Amino acid sequence: MGPEIFEIDPSLCTECVGHFDEPQCAEICPVECIPKDPDNEETQDELMLKYQRLTENL
């Protein structure tokens, strides 16, 4: 609610796997407006591999 709009990049989103038990965007969204994209469904294992790839050089 308000002027701020956030976009989630599916190539960078791990649904917080590796950090939290639940996706934090969905946890804090006051109107539950973050739908899952059926064209970008990933398993927990795929999300963990993405997390590892994204954080390997940190």
PDB file of N, CA and C in Angstrom:
ATOM      1  N   MET A   1       0.843  -1.166   0.000  1.00  0.00           N
ATOM      2  CA  MET A   1       0.000   0.000   0.000  1.00  0.00           C
ATOM      3  C   MET A   1       0.891   1.233   0.000  1.00  0.00           C
ATOM      4  N   GLY A   2       0.809   1.974  -1.032  1.00  0.00           N
ATOM      5  CA  GLY A   2       1.621   3.169  -1.098  1.00  0.00           C
ATOM      6  C   GLY A   2       2.369   3.267  -2.401  1.00  0.00           C
ATOM      7  N   PRO A   3       3.246   4.260  -2.493  1.00  0.00           N
ATOM      8  CA  PRO A   3       3.933   4.527  -3.752  1.00  0.00           C
ATOM      9  C   PRO A   3       5.064   3.543  -4.084  1.00  0.00           C
ATOM     10  N   GLU A   4       5.558   2.802  -3.093  1.00  0.00           N
ATOM     11  CA  GLU A   4       6.676   1.896  -3.374  1.00  0.00           C
ATOM     12  C   GLU A   4       6.189   0.595  -3.992  1.00  0.00           C
ATOM     13  N   ILE A   5       6.886   0.167  -5.046  1.00  0.00           N
ATOM     14  CA  ILE A   5       6.593  -1.106  -5.700  1.00  0.00           C
ATOM     15  C   ILE A   5       7.903  -1.870  -5.794  1.00  0.00           C
ATOM     16  N   PHE A   6       7.879  -3.119  -5.411  1.00  0.00           N
ATOM     17  CA  PHE A   6       9.063  -3.954  -5.462  1.00  0.00           C
ATOM     18  C   PHE A   6       8.844  -5.055  -6.485  1.00  0.00           C
ATOM     19  N   GLU A   7       9.881  -5.352  -7.265  1.00  0.00           N
ATOM     20  CA  GLU A   7       9.832  -6.432  -8.241  1.00  0.00           C
ATOM     21  C   GLU A   7      10.804  -7.513  -7.799  1.00  0.00           C
ATOM     22  N   ILE A   8      10.367  -8.755  -7.902  1.00  0.00           N
ATOM     23  CA  ILE A   8      11.212  -9.885  -7.531  1.00  0.00           C
ATOM     24  C   ILE A   8      11.759 -10.489  -8.811  1.00  0.00           C
ATOM     25  N   ASP A   9      13.081 -10.550  -8.913  1.00  0.00           N
ATOM     26  CA  ASP A   9      13.744 -11.144 -10.067  1.00  0.00           C
ATOM     27  C   ASP A   9      13.822 -12.651  -9.836  1.00  0.00           C
ATOM     28  N   PRO A  10      13.083 -13.459 -10.614  1.00  0.00           N
ATOM     29  CA  PRO A  10      13.076 -14.907 -10.385  1.00  0.00           C
ATOM     30  C   PRO A  10      14.459 -15.549 -10.521  1.00  0.00           C
ATOM     31  N   SER A  11      15.356 -14.921 -11.291  1.00  0.00           N
ATOM     32  CA  SER A  11      16.693 -15.516 -11.443  1.00  0.00           C
ATOM     33  C   SER A  11      17.542 -15.306 -10.196  1.00  0.00           C
ATOM     34  N   LEU A  12      17.117 -14.407  -9.299  1.00  0.00           N
ATOM     35  CA  LEU A  12      17.857 -14.149  -8.062  1.00  0.00           C
ATOM     36  C   LEU A  12      17.106 -14.610  -6.820  1.00  0.00           C
ATOM     37  N   CYS A  13      15.854 -14.965  -6.969  1.00  0.00           N
ATOM     38  CA  CYS A  13      15.041 -15.356  -5.817  1.00  0.00           C
ATOM     39  C   CYS A  13      15.271 -16.824  -5.469  1.00  0.00           C
ATOM     40  N   THR A  14      15.591 -17.071  -4.205  1.00  0.00           N
ATOM     41  CA  THR A  14      15.746 -18.442  -3.712  1.00  0.00           C
ATOM     42  C   THR A  14      14.614 -18.795  -2.762  1.00  0.00           C
ATOM     43  N   GLU A  15      13.586 -17.933  -2.706  1.00  0.00           N
ATOM     44  CA  GLU A  15      12.484 -18.085  -1.754  1.00  0.00           C
ATOM     45  C   GLU A  15      13.032 -18.190  -0.333  1.00  0.00           C
ATOM     46  N   CYS A  16      14.181 -17.561  -0.114  1.00  0.00           N
ATOM     47  CA  CYS A  16      14.886 -17.487   1.169  1.00  0.00           C
ATOM     48  C   CYS A  16      15.465 -18.828   1.629  1.00  0.00           C
ATOM     49  N   VAL A  17      15.491 -19.826   0.745  1.00  0.00           N
ATOM     50  CA  VAL A  17      16.156 -21.087   1.069  1.00  0.00           C
ATOM     51  C   VAL A  17      17.614 -20.773   1.359  1.00  0.00           C
ATOM     52  N   GLY A  18      18.127 -21.308   2.447  1.00  0.00           N
ATOM     53  CA  GLY A  18      19.489 -21.027   2.861  1.00  0.00           C
ATOM     54  C   GLY A  18      19.576 -19.930   3.896  1.00  0.00           C
ATOM     55  N   HIS A  19      18.477 -19.183   4.068  1.00  0.00           N
ATOM     56  CA  HIS A  19      18.456 -18.095   5.042  1.00  0.00           C
ATOM     57  C   HIS A  19      17.331 -18.246   6.061  1.00  0.00           C
ATOM     58  N   PHE A  20      16.108 -18.463   5.582  1.00  0.00           N
ATOM     59  CA  PHE A  20      14.926 -18.502   6.442  1.00  0.00           C
ATOM     60  C   PHE A  20      14.056 -19.696   6.070  1.00  0.00           C
ATOM     61  N   ASP A  21      13.176 -20.084   6.984  1.00  0.00           N
ATOM     62  CA  ASP A  21      12.250 -21.194   6.723  1.00  0.00           C
ATOM     63  C   ASP A  21      11.142 -20.809   5.759  1.00  0.00           C
ATOM     64  N   GLU A  22      10.761 -19.534   5.743  1.00  0.00           N
ATOM     65  CA  GLU A  22       9.694 -19.041   4.879  1.00  0.00           C
ATOM     66  C   GLU A  22      10.202 -17.860   4.063  1.00  0.00           C
ATOM     67  N   PRO A  23       9.710 -17.677   2.826  1.00  0.00           N
ATOM     68  CA  PRO A  23      10.078 -16.497   2.047  1.00  0.00           C
ATOM     69  C   PRO A  23       9.720 -15.221   2.815  1.00  0.00           C
ATOM     70  N   GLN A  24      10.691 -14.365   3.021  1.00  0.00           N
ATOM     71  CA  GLN A  24      10.470 -13.162   3.829  1.00  0.00           C
ATOM     72  C   GLN A  24       9.578 -12.147   3.149  1.00  0.00           C
ATOM     73  N   CYS A  25       9.572 -12.098   1.823  1.00  0.00           N
ATOM     74  CA  CYS A  25       8.684 -11.153   1.133  1.00  0.00           C
ATOM     75  C   CYS A  25       7.229 -11.475   1.464  1.00  0.00           C
ATOM     76  N   ALA A  26       6.881 -12.749   1.469  1.00  0.00           N
ATOM     77  CA  ALA A  26       5.512 -13.158   1.776  1.00  0.00           C
ATOM     78  C   ALA A  26       5.194 -12.933   3.249  1.00  0.00           C
ATOM     79  N   GLU A  27       6.203 -13.070   4.112  1.00  0.00           N
ATOM     80  CA  GLU A  27       5.991 -12.867   5.544  1.00  0.00           C
ATOM     81  C   GLU A  27       5.652 -11.417   5.879  1.00  0.00           C
ATOM     82  N   ILE A  28       6.274 -10.465   5.179  1.00  0.00           N
ATOM     83  CA  ILE A  28       6.062  -9.061   5.539  1.00  0.00           C
ATOM     84  C   ILE A  28       5.039  -8.349   4.661  1.00  0.00           C
ATOM     85  N   CYS A  29       4.592  -8.978   3.599  1.00  0.00           N
ATOM     86  CA  CYS A  29       3.631  -8.331   2.706  1.00  0.00           C
ATOM     87  C   CYS A  29       2.303  -8.153   3.441  1.00  0.00           C
ATOM     88  N   PRO A  30       1.858  -6.895   3.599  1.00  0.00           N
ATOM     89  CA  PRO A  30       0.639  -6.654   4.379  1.00  0.00           C
ATOM     90  C   PRO A  30      -0.652  -7.073   3.677  1.00  0.00           C
ATOM     91  N   VAL A  31      -0.597  -7.312   2.383  1.00  0.00           N
ATOM     92  CA  VAL A  31      -1.831  -7.653   1.662  1.00  0.00           C
ATOM     93  C   VAL A  31      -1.729  -8.986   0.921  1.00  0.00           C
ATOM     94  N   GLU A  32      -0.718  -9.763   1.233  1.00  0.00           N
ATOM     95  CA  GLU A  32      -0.538 -11.087   0.624  1.00  0.00           C
ATOM     96  C   GLU A  32      -0.672 -11.044  -0.892  1.00  0.00           C
ATOM     97  N   CYS A  33       0.086 -10.150  -1.521  1.00  0.00           N
ATOM     98  CA  CYS A  33      -0.037  -9.956  -2.967  1.00  0.00           C
ATOM     99  C   CYS A  33       1.152 -10.523  -3.739  1.00  0.00           C
ATOM    100  N   ILE A  34       1.894 -11.447  -3.147  1.00  0.00           N
ATOM    101  CA  ILE A  34       3.055 -12.007  -3.836  1.00  0.00           C
ATOM    102  C   ILE A  34       2.695 -13.420  -4.312  1.00  0.00           C
ATOM    103  N   PRO A  35       2.222 -13.518  -5.551  1.00  0.00           N
ATOM    104  CA  PRO A  35       1.830 -14.833  -6.071  1.00  0.00           C
ATOM    105  C   PRO A  35       3.051 -15.618  -6.550  1.00  0.00           C
ATOM    106  N   LYS A  36       2.947 -16.924  -6.526  1.00  0.00           N
ATOM    107  CA  LYS A  36       3.980 -17.776  -7.116  1.00  0.00           C
ATOM    108  C   LYS A  36       3.786 -17.756  -8.627  1.00  0.00           C
ATOM    109  N   ASP A  37       4.892 -17.761  -9.350  1.00  0.00           N
ATOM    110  CA  ASP A  37       4.850 -17.750 -10.807  1.00  0.00           C
ATOM    111  C   ASP A  37       4.886 -19.196 -11.296  1.00  0.00           C
ATOM    112  N   PRO A  38       3.812 -19.688 -11.899  1.00  0.00           N
ATOM    113  CA  PRO A  38       3.784 -21.084 -12.341  1.00  0.00           C
ATOM    114  C   PRO A  38       4.825 -21.391 -13.424  1.00  0.00           C
ATOM    115  N   ASP A  39       5.339 -20.348 -14.095  1.00  0.00           N
ATOM    116  CA  ASP A  39       6.371 -20.553 -15.115  1.00  0.00           C
ATOM    117  C   ASP A  39       7.772 -20.630 -14.508  1.00  0.00           C
ATOM    118  N   ASN A  40       7.895 -20.397 -13.197  1.00  0.00           N
ATOM    119  CA  ASN A  40       9.197 -20.421 -12.527  1.00  0.00           C
ATOM    120  C   ASN A  40       9.170 -21.255 -11.256  1.00  0.00           C
ATOM    121  N   GLU A  41       8.474 -22.394 -11.280  1.00  0.00           N
ATOM    122  CA  GLU A  41       8.432 -23.255 -10.110  1.00  0.00           C
ATOM    123  C   GLU A  41       9.755 -24.007  -9.982  1.00  0.00           C
ATOM    124  N   GLU A  42      10.269 -24.057  -8.746  1.00  0.00           N
ATOM    125  CA  GLU A  42      11.532 -24.744  -8.478  1.00  0.00           C
ATOM    126  C   GLU A  42      11.388 -25.582  -7.219  1.00  0.00           C
ATOM    127  N   THR A  43      12.103 -26.695  -7.176  1.00  0.00           N
ATOM    128  CA  THR A  43      12.100 -27.541  -5.985  1.00  0.00           C
ATOM    129  C   THR A  43      13.007 -26.925  -4.929  1.00  0.00           C
ATOM    130  N   GLN A  44      12.910 -27.417  -3.710  1.00  0.00           N
ATOM    131  CA  GLN A  44      13.787 -26.949  -2.634  1.00  0.00           C
ATOM    132  C   GLN A  44      15.247 -27.205  -2.995  1.00  0.00           C
ATOM    133  N   ASP A  45      15.539 -28.339  -3.635  1.00  0.00           N
ATOM    134  CA  ASP A  45      16.917 -28.640  -4.045  1.00  0.00           C
ATOM    135  C   ASP A  45      17.415 -27.649  -5.099  1.00  0.00           C
ATOM    136  N   GLU A  46      16.554 -27.315  -6.068  1.00  0.00           N
ATOM    137  CA  GLU A  46      16.933 -26.342  -7.094  1.00  0.00           C
ATOM    138  C   GLU A  46      17.171 -24.963  -6.480  1.00  0.00           C
ATOM    139  N   LEU A  47      16.321 -24.582  -5.524  1.00  0.00           N
ATOM    140  CA  LEU A  47      16.483 -23.295  -4.852  1.00  0.00           C
ATOM    141  C   LEU A  47      17.781 -23.257  -4.048  1.00  0.00           C
ATOM    142  N   MET A  48      18.126 -24.377  -3.396  1.00  0.00           N
ATOM    143  CA  MET A  48      19.365 -24.436  -2.630  1.00  0.00           C
ATOM    144  C   MET A  48      20.572 -24.336  -3.554  1.00  0.00           C
ATOM    145  N   LEU A  49      20.537 -24.993  -4.700  1.00  0.00           N
ATOM    146  CA  LEU A  49      21.635 -24.877  -5.663  1.00  0.00           C
ATOM    147  C   LEU A  49      21.775 -23.440  -6.166  1.00  0.00           C
ATOM    148  N   LYS A  50      20.664 -22.780  -6.406  1.00  0.00           N
ATOM    149  CA  LYS A  50      20.705 -21.381  -6.834  1.00  0.00           C
ATOM    150  C   LYS A  50      21.307 -20.515  -5.730  1.00  0.00           C
ATOM    151  N   TYR A  51      20.887 -20.738  -4.480  1.00  0.00           N
ATOM    152  CA  TYR A  51      21.442 -20.003  -3.343  1.00  0.00           C
ATOM    153  C   TYR A  51      22.951 -20.190  -3.265  1.00  0.00           C
ATOM    154  N   GLN A  52      23.400 -21.425  -3.397  1.00  0.00           N
ATOM    155  CA  GLN A  52      24.844 -21.703  -3.340  1.00  0.00           C
ATOM    156  C   GLN A  52      25.581 -21.015  -4.470  1.00  0.00           C
ATOM    157  N   ARG A  53      25.008 -21.049  -5.664  1.00  0.00           N
ATOM    158  CA  ARG A  53      25.643 -20.390  -6.806  1.00  0.00           C
ATOM    159  C   ARG A  53      25.723 -18.873  -6.607  1.00  0.00           C
ATOM    160  N   LEU A  54      24.654 -18.286  -6.086  1.00  0.00           N
ATOM    161  CA  LEU A  54      24.619 -16.839  -5.890  1.00  0.00           C
ATOM    162  C   LEU A  54      25.543 -16.358  -4.773  1.00  0.00           C
ATOM    163  N   THR A  55      25.831 -17.230  -3.817  1.00  0.00           N
ATOM    164  CA  THR A  55      26.635 -16.807  -2.670  1.00  0.00           C
ATOM    165  C   THR A  55      28.042 -17.384  -2.648  1.00  0.00           C
ATOM    166  N   GLU A  56      28.425 -18.114  -3.670  1.00  0.00           N
ATOM    167  CA  GLU A  56      29.718 -18.788  -3.637  1.00  0.00           C
ATOM    168  C   GLU A  56      30.910 -17.820  -3.609  1.00  0.00           C
ATOM    169  N   ASN A  57      30.787 -16.629  -4.111  1.00  0.00           N
ATOM    170  CA  ASN A  57      31.909 -15.678  -4.141  1.00  0.00           C
ATOM    171  C   ASN A  57      31.788 -14.572  -3.106  1.00  0.00           C
ATOM    172  N   LEU A  58      30.912 -14.733  -2.140  1.00  0.00           N
ATOM    173  CA  LEU A  58      30.745 -13.686  -1.122  1.00  0.00           C
ATOM    174  C   LEU A  58      31.753 -13.841  -0.016  1.00  0.00           C
TER     175      LEU A  58
END
